[in-house]
Protein backbone atom coordinates (compact mmCIF):
# COMPACT_ATOMS: atom_id res chain seq x y z
CA MET A 1 -13.05 -14.13 10.57
CA LEU A 2 -9.18 -14.86 10.09
CA TYR A 3 -9.43 -13.53 6.49
CA ARG A 4 -11.15 -10.41 7.48
CA VAL A 5 -8.41 -9.76 9.99
CA LEU A 6 -5.69 -10.50 7.28
CA ALA A 7 -7.37 -8.14 4.94
CA ASP A 8 -7.48 -5.36 7.60
CA ILE A 9 -3.80 -5.95 8.31
CA VAL A 10 -3.06 -5.70 4.61
CA VAL A 11 -4.95 -2.35 4.55
CA VAL A 12 -2.84 -1.01 7.49
CA ILE A 13 0.39 -2.04 5.81
CA HIS A 14 -0.74 -0.62 2.46
CA PHE A 15 -1.69 2.72 4.03
CA ALA A 16 1.51 2.97 6.10
CA PHE A 17 3.40 2.36 2.81
CA VAL A 18 1.61 5.06 1.10
CA LEU A 19 2.21 7.49 3.81
CA PHE A 20 5.90 6.58 3.83
CA VAL A 21 6.04 7.20 0.03
CA VAL A 22 4.27 10.51 0.41
CA LEU A 23 5.78 11.84 3.66
CA GLY A 24 9.05 9.75 3.91
CA GLY A 25 11.13 12.56 2.58
CA PHE A 26 10.64 14.36 5.91
CA LEU A 27 12.02 11.31 7.77
CA VAL A 28 14.96 11.36 5.41
CA LEU A 29 15.69 14.79 6.57
CA ARG A 30 16.18 13.54 10.10
CA TRP A 31 17.67 10.28 9.20
CA PRO A 32 19.65 10.46 5.93
CA LYS A 33 20.45 6.81 5.77
CA LEU A 34 16.74 6.16 5.32
CA ALA A 35 17.05 7.45 1.85
CA TRP A 36 18.27 4.03 0.83
CA VAL A 37 14.74 2.81 1.59
CA HIS A 38 12.58 5.83 0.79
CA GLY A 39 14.12 6.13 -2.68
CA PRO A 40 13.01 2.81 -4.11
CA ALA A 41 9.72 3.03 -2.19
CA ALA A 42 9.10 6.52 -3.83
CA ILE A 43 9.94 5.17 -7.24
CA TRP A 44 7.73 2.06 -6.78
CA GLY A 45 4.85 4.39 -5.62
CA THR A 46 5.25 6.74 -8.49
CA LEU A 47 5.36 3.87 -11.09
CA ILE A 48 2.17 2.36 -9.52
CA GLU A 49 0.29 5.50 -9.35
CA PHE A 50 1.20 7.17 -12.69
CA GLY A 51 2.10 4.05 -14.72
CA GLY A 52 -1.28 2.42 -14.25
CA TRP A 53 0.13 -0.66 -12.57
CA THR A 54 -1.56 -2.57 -9.86
CA CYS A 55 0.07 -2.84 -6.47
CA PRO A 56 0.44 -6.42 -5.34
CA LEU A 57 -1.22 -5.52 -1.93
CA THR A 58 -4.48 -4.56 -3.61
CA PRO A 59 -5.42 -7.99 -5.01
CA LEU A 60 -4.09 -9.53 -1.93
CA GLU A 61 -6.58 -7.51 0.26
CA ASN A 62 -9.29 -8.27 -2.29
CA ARG A 63 -8.71 -11.99 -2.06
CA PHE A 64 -8.65 -12.00 1.71
CA ARG A 65 -11.97 -9.95 1.78
CA ARG A 66 -13.56 -12.50 -0.70
CA LEU A 67 -12.43 -15.38 1.38
CA GLY A 68 -13.81 -13.83 4.37
CA GLY A 69 -17.17 -13.41 2.87
CA GLU A 70 -16.96 -9.70 1.97
CA ALA A 71 -17.06 -8.07 -1.38
CA GLY A 72 -13.77 -6.94 -2.89
CA TYR A 73 -13.62 -3.71 -4.83
CA GLU A 74 -12.61 -2.75 -8.36
CA GLY A 75 -10.04 -0.02 -8.83
CA SER A 76 -7.10 0.99 -7.05
CA PHE A 77 -6.39 1.25 -3.04
CA ILE A 78 -6.20 5.15 -3.43
CA GLU A 79 -9.61 5.17 -5.16
CA GLN A 80 -11.20 2.91 -2.55
CA TYR A 81 -9.77 4.56 0.56
C-alpha cells in the first residue's frame, strides 16, 4: 500500500512539473523572479520531450508501482497519462 501511495505522489509531482513547464510563463508575467526557476524547468522539459530522454520521475513511478504489486508502463509519462 505504501508503494502505491508513493507512486501516486510521484504522479502528482510529475503532473505539476509538466503544468509548470507548459503554463509557467504566465506565472512569470505576474512574478518575474520566477523566471529563474521556470527557465531551467522549461529547458529540461523541452530536452526530455524532444530529445527523446527519459525523465527520472517516470522510472521512479514505475518502480513504486511494481513494488506495490501493480504493473508499470512502457513509454513516457505524457503517453501514459
